[in-house]
Amino acid sequence: MTDATGSRPTVTSARVCAIVAFVLAAIAILFFPIIFGPGAIILGIVATAMGDKALGKWAIAAGVVGTILGFVLGYIAVS
């Protein structure tokens, strides 16, 4: 993928934090939502603070949803 100048866009550390936050949110749905969910939320906040505002906010939302969904699925599995 290239930008308007024809060069490849650089991947910033904020973007990496946001992507890792999405991965942690997905993991939180199935395993240890008490650990991976807040980790996703924190990394989403870090990504937002570092400059990737749009993706960071989506990562925060994904972390919250992943945490809640993980708890609900865990409750259903136990009961």
N, C-alpha and C. Protein backbone atom coordinates (compact mmCIF):
# COMPACT_ATOMS: atom_id res chain seq x y z
N MET A 1 0.85 -1.17 0.00
CA MET A 1 0.00 0.00 0.00
C MET A 1 0.90 1.24 0.00
N THR A 2 0.56 2.20 -0.82
CA THR A 2 1.37 3.41 -0.91
C THR A 2 0.51 4.63 -0.62
N ASP A 3 1.18 5.72 -0.27
CA ASP A 3 0.45 6.96 -0.05
C ASP A 3 0.49 7.81 -1.32
N ALA A 4 0.09 9.08 -1.24
CA ALA A 4 -0.03 9.94 -2.41
C ALA A 4 1.32 10.21 -3.08
N THR A 5 2.41 10.16 -2.32
CA THR A 5 3.72 10.44 -2.90
C THR A 5 4.34 9.20 -3.54
N GLY A 6 3.70 8.05 -3.39
CA GLY A 6 4.23 6.84 -3.99
C GLY A 6 5.15 6.05 -3.08
N SER A 7 5.43 6.57 -1.90
CA SER A 7 6.28 5.82 -0.97
C SER A 7 5.42 5.07 0.03
N ARG A 8 6.00 4.08 0.64
CA ARG A 8 5.26 3.28 1.62
C ARG A 8 5.10 4.08 2.91
N PRO A 9 3.91 4.03 3.51
CA PRO A 9 3.72 4.73 4.78
C PRO A 9 4.49 4.03 5.90
N THR A 10 4.95 4.80 6.84
CA THR A 10 5.70 4.21 7.95
C THR A 10 4.74 3.73 9.02
N VAL A 11 5.12 2.64 9.67
CA VAL A 11 4.33 2.10 10.77
C VAL A 11 4.90 2.69 12.05
N THR A 12 4.05 3.40 12.78
CA THR A 12 4.52 4.05 13.99
C THR A 12 4.30 3.12 15.18
N SER A 13 4.95 3.46 16.28
CA SER A 13 4.78 2.67 17.49
C SER A 13 3.37 2.80 18.03
N ALA A 14 2.70 3.91 17.77
CA ALA A 14 1.30 4.06 18.19
C ALA A 14 0.42 3.07 17.45
N ARG A 15 0.69 2.88 16.16
CA ARG A 15 -0.09 1.92 15.37
C ARG A 15 0.15 0.49 15.87
N VAL A 16 1.39 0.19 16.22
CA VAL A 16 1.71 -1.15 16.74
C VAL A 16 0.98 -1.39 18.06
N CYS A 17 0.96 -0.38 18.94
CA CYS A 17 0.24 -0.51 20.21
C CYS A 17 -1.25 -0.76 19.96
N ALA A 18 -1.83 -0.08 19.01
CA ALA A 18 -3.25 -0.25 18.71
C ALA A 18 -3.53 -1.65 18.17
N ILE A 19 -2.67 -2.14 17.31
CA ILE A 19 -2.87 -3.48 16.74
C ILE A 19 -2.72 -4.55 17.82
N VAL A 20 -1.73 -4.40 18.69
CA VAL A 20 -1.56 -5.35 19.79
C VAL A 20 -2.76 -5.29 20.73
N ALA A 21 -3.33 -4.10 20.92
CA ALA A 21 -4.53 -3.96 21.75
C ALA A 21 -5.70 -4.75 21.17
N PHE A 22 -5.85 -4.71 19.83
CA PHE A 22 -6.91 -5.50 19.20
C PHE A 22 -6.68 -7.00 19.40
N VAL A 23 -5.44 -7.43 19.31
CA VAL A 23 -5.13 -8.84 19.50
C VAL A 23 -5.44 -9.25 20.94
N LEU A 24 -5.06 -8.42 21.91
CA LEU A 24 -5.36 -8.72 23.31
C LEU A 24 -6.86 -8.75 23.56
N ALA A 25 -7.60 -7.86 22.91
CA ALA A 25 -9.05 -7.86 23.07
C ALA A 25 -9.67 -9.15 22.55
N ALA A 26 -9.14 -9.65 21.45
CA ALA A 26 -9.64 -10.91 20.90
C ALA A 26 -9.29 -12.08 21.82
N ILE A 27 -8.11 -12.06 22.38
CA ILE A 27 -7.70 -13.12 23.31
C ILE A 27 -8.56 -13.07 24.57
N ALA A 28 -8.92 -11.86 25.01
CA ALA A 28 -9.72 -11.70 26.23
C ALA A 28 -11.09 -12.35 26.12
N ILE A 29 -11.58 -12.51 24.92
CA ILE A 29 -12.89 -13.14 24.74
C ILE A 29 -12.84 -14.60 25.16
N LEU A 30 -11.71 -15.26 24.93
CA LEU A 30 -11.62 -16.69 25.20
C LEU A 30 -10.79 -17.05 26.43
N PHE A 31 -9.78 -16.27 26.76
CA PHE A 31 -8.87 -16.62 27.85
C PHE A 31 -8.64 -15.42 28.77
N PHE A 32 -8.80 -15.62 30.06
CA PHE A 32 -8.44 -14.65 31.10
C PHE A 32 -8.83 -13.21 30.77
N PRO A 33 -10.11 -12.91 30.70
CA PRO A 33 -10.51 -11.54 30.38
C PRO A 33 -10.08 -10.53 31.44
N ILE A 34 -9.86 -10.97 32.66
CA ILE A 34 -9.43 -10.05 33.72
C ILE A 34 -8.01 -9.55 33.48
N ILE A 35 -7.23 -10.27 32.70
CA ILE A 35 -5.84 -9.87 32.42
C ILE A 35 -5.73 -9.22 31.04
N PHE A 36 -6.22 -9.91 30.02
CA PHE A 36 -6.04 -9.44 28.65
C PHE A 36 -6.93 -8.25 28.30
N GLY A 37 -8.12 -8.17 28.88
CA GLY A 37 -9.02 -7.06 28.61
C GLY A 37 -8.45 -5.71 29.04
N PRO A 38 -8.07 -5.59 30.33
CA PRO A 38 -7.45 -4.32 30.74
C PRO A 38 -6.14 -4.02 30.00
N GLY A 39 -5.41 -5.06 29.63
CA GLY A 39 -4.19 -4.85 28.84
C GLY A 39 -4.51 -4.21 27.50
N ALA A 40 -5.60 -4.67 26.88
CA ALA A 40 -6.03 -4.09 25.61
C ALA A 40 -6.47 -2.64 25.80
N ILE A 41 -7.18 -2.38 26.88
CA ILE A 41 -7.65 -1.02 27.15
C ILE A 41 -6.46 -0.09 27.38
N ILE A 42 -5.51 -0.53 28.16
CA ILE A 42 -4.33 0.29 28.46
C ILE A 42 -3.53 0.57 27.19
N LEU A 43 -3.33 -0.46 26.36
CA LEU A 43 -2.59 -0.23 25.11
C LEU A 43 -3.36 0.67 24.15
N GLY A 44 -4.68 0.60 24.18
CA GLY A 44 -5.48 1.51 23.37
C GLY A 44 -5.31 2.95 23.83
N ILE A 45 -5.26 3.14 25.15
CA ILE A 45 -5.02 4.48 25.70
C ILE A 45 -3.64 4.98 25.32
N VAL A 46 -2.65 4.10 25.40
CA VAL A 46 -1.28 4.48 25.02
C VAL A 46 -1.22 4.85 23.54
N ALA A 47 -1.87 4.07 22.69
CA ALA A 47 -1.88 4.37 21.26
C ALA A 47 -2.54 5.71 20.98
N THR A 48 -3.62 6.00 21.71
CA THR A 48 -4.29 7.29 21.54
C THR A 48 -3.39 8.43 21.98
N ALA A 49 -2.72 8.25 23.11
CA ALA A 49 -1.83 9.30 23.62
C ALA A 49 -0.61 9.51 22.73
N MET A 50 -0.18 8.44 22.04
CA MET A 50 1.00 8.55 21.18
C MET A 50 0.68 9.14 19.81
N GLY A 51 -0.61 9.30 19.50
CA GLY A 51 -0.93 9.98 18.27
C GLY A 51 -1.87 9.27 17.32
N ASP A 52 -2.10 7.99 17.49
CA ASP A 52 -3.02 7.28 16.60
C ASP A 52 -4.41 7.31 17.23
N LYS A 53 -5.04 8.47 17.13
CA LYS A 53 -6.27 8.73 17.86
C LYS A 53 -7.43 7.84 17.42
N ALA A 54 -7.65 7.71 16.14
CA ALA A 54 -8.80 6.96 15.65
C ALA A 54 -8.69 5.48 15.99
N LEU A 55 -7.58 4.86 15.63
CA LEU A 55 -7.42 3.44 15.89
C LEU A 55 -7.28 3.16 17.38
N GLY A 56 -6.69 4.08 18.12
CA GLY A 56 -6.58 3.92 19.56
C GLY A 56 -7.93 3.90 20.25
N LYS A 57 -8.83 4.77 19.81
CA LYS A 57 -10.18 4.79 20.40
C LYS A 57 -10.94 3.51 20.07
N TRP A 58 -10.77 3.01 18.85
CA TRP A 58 -11.40 1.74 18.50
C TRP A 58 -10.81 0.59 19.30
N ALA A 59 -9.52 0.65 19.58
CA ALA A 59 -8.87 -0.40 20.37
C ALA A 59 -9.38 -0.37 21.80
N ILE A 60 -9.61 0.82 22.36
CA ILE A 60 -10.17 0.92 23.71
C ILE A 60 -11.56 0.27 23.73
N ALA A 61 -12.37 0.60 22.75
CA ALA A 61 -13.72 0.03 22.67
C ALA A 61 -13.67 -1.49 22.51
N ALA A 62 -12.75 -1.97 21.70
CA ALA A 62 -12.61 -3.42 21.52
C ALA A 62 -12.16 -4.08 22.81
N GLY A 63 -11.30 -3.41 23.58
CA GLY A 63 -10.87 -3.95 24.86
C GLY A 63 -12.01 -4.07 25.85
N VAL A 64 -12.86 -3.05 25.88
CA VAL A 64 -14.02 -3.08 26.79
C VAL A 64 -14.98 -4.19 26.37
N VAL A 65 -15.28 -4.26 25.08
CA VAL A 65 -16.20 -5.29 24.59
C VAL A 65 -15.61 -6.68 24.80
N GLY A 66 -14.32 -6.85 24.53
CA GLY A 66 -13.67 -8.14 24.73
C GLY A 66 -13.70 -8.58 26.19
N THR A 67 -13.50 -7.64 27.10
CA THR A 67 -13.54 -7.96 28.52
C THR A 67 -14.95 -8.40 28.93
N ILE A 68 -15.94 -7.63 28.56
CA ILE A 68 -17.32 -7.96 28.94
C ILE A 68 -17.74 -9.29 28.31
N LEU A 69 -17.44 -9.46 27.04
CA LEU A 69 -17.81 -10.70 26.35
C LEU A 69 -17.09 -11.90 26.96
N GLY A 70 -15.83 -11.72 27.35
CA GLY A 70 -15.10 -12.81 27.99
C GLY A 70 -15.71 -13.21 29.31
N PHE A 71 -16.14 -12.23 30.11
CA PHE A 71 -16.80 -12.55 31.38
C PHE A 71 -18.14 -13.24 31.16
N VAL A 72 -18.90 -12.75 30.18
CA VAL A 72 -20.21 -13.36 29.91
C VAL A 72 -20.03 -14.80 29.42
N LEU A 73 -19.12 -15.02 28.49
CA LEU A 73 -18.89 -16.38 28.00
C LEU A 73 -18.34 -17.29 29.09
N GLY A 74 -17.49 -16.75 29.96
CA GLY A 74 -16.99 -17.54 31.08
C GLY A 74 -18.10 -17.91 32.04
N TYR A 75 -19.01 -16.99 32.30
CA TYR A 75 -20.14 -17.27 33.18
C TYR A 75 -21.04 -18.34 32.57
N ILE A 76 -21.29 -18.23 31.26
CA ILE A 76 -22.13 -19.22 30.59
C ILE A 76 -21.47 -20.59 30.62
N ALA A 77 -20.17 -20.63 30.44
CA ALA A 77 -19.45 -21.91 30.43
C ALA A 77 -19.46 -22.58 31.80
N VAL A 78 -19.40 -21.76 32.85
CA VAL A 78 -19.35 -22.32 34.21
C VAL A 78 -20.74 -22.77 34.66
N SER A 79 -21.78 -22.02 34.28
CA SER A 79 -23.12 -22.38 34.76
C SER A 79 -23.82 -23.40 33.90
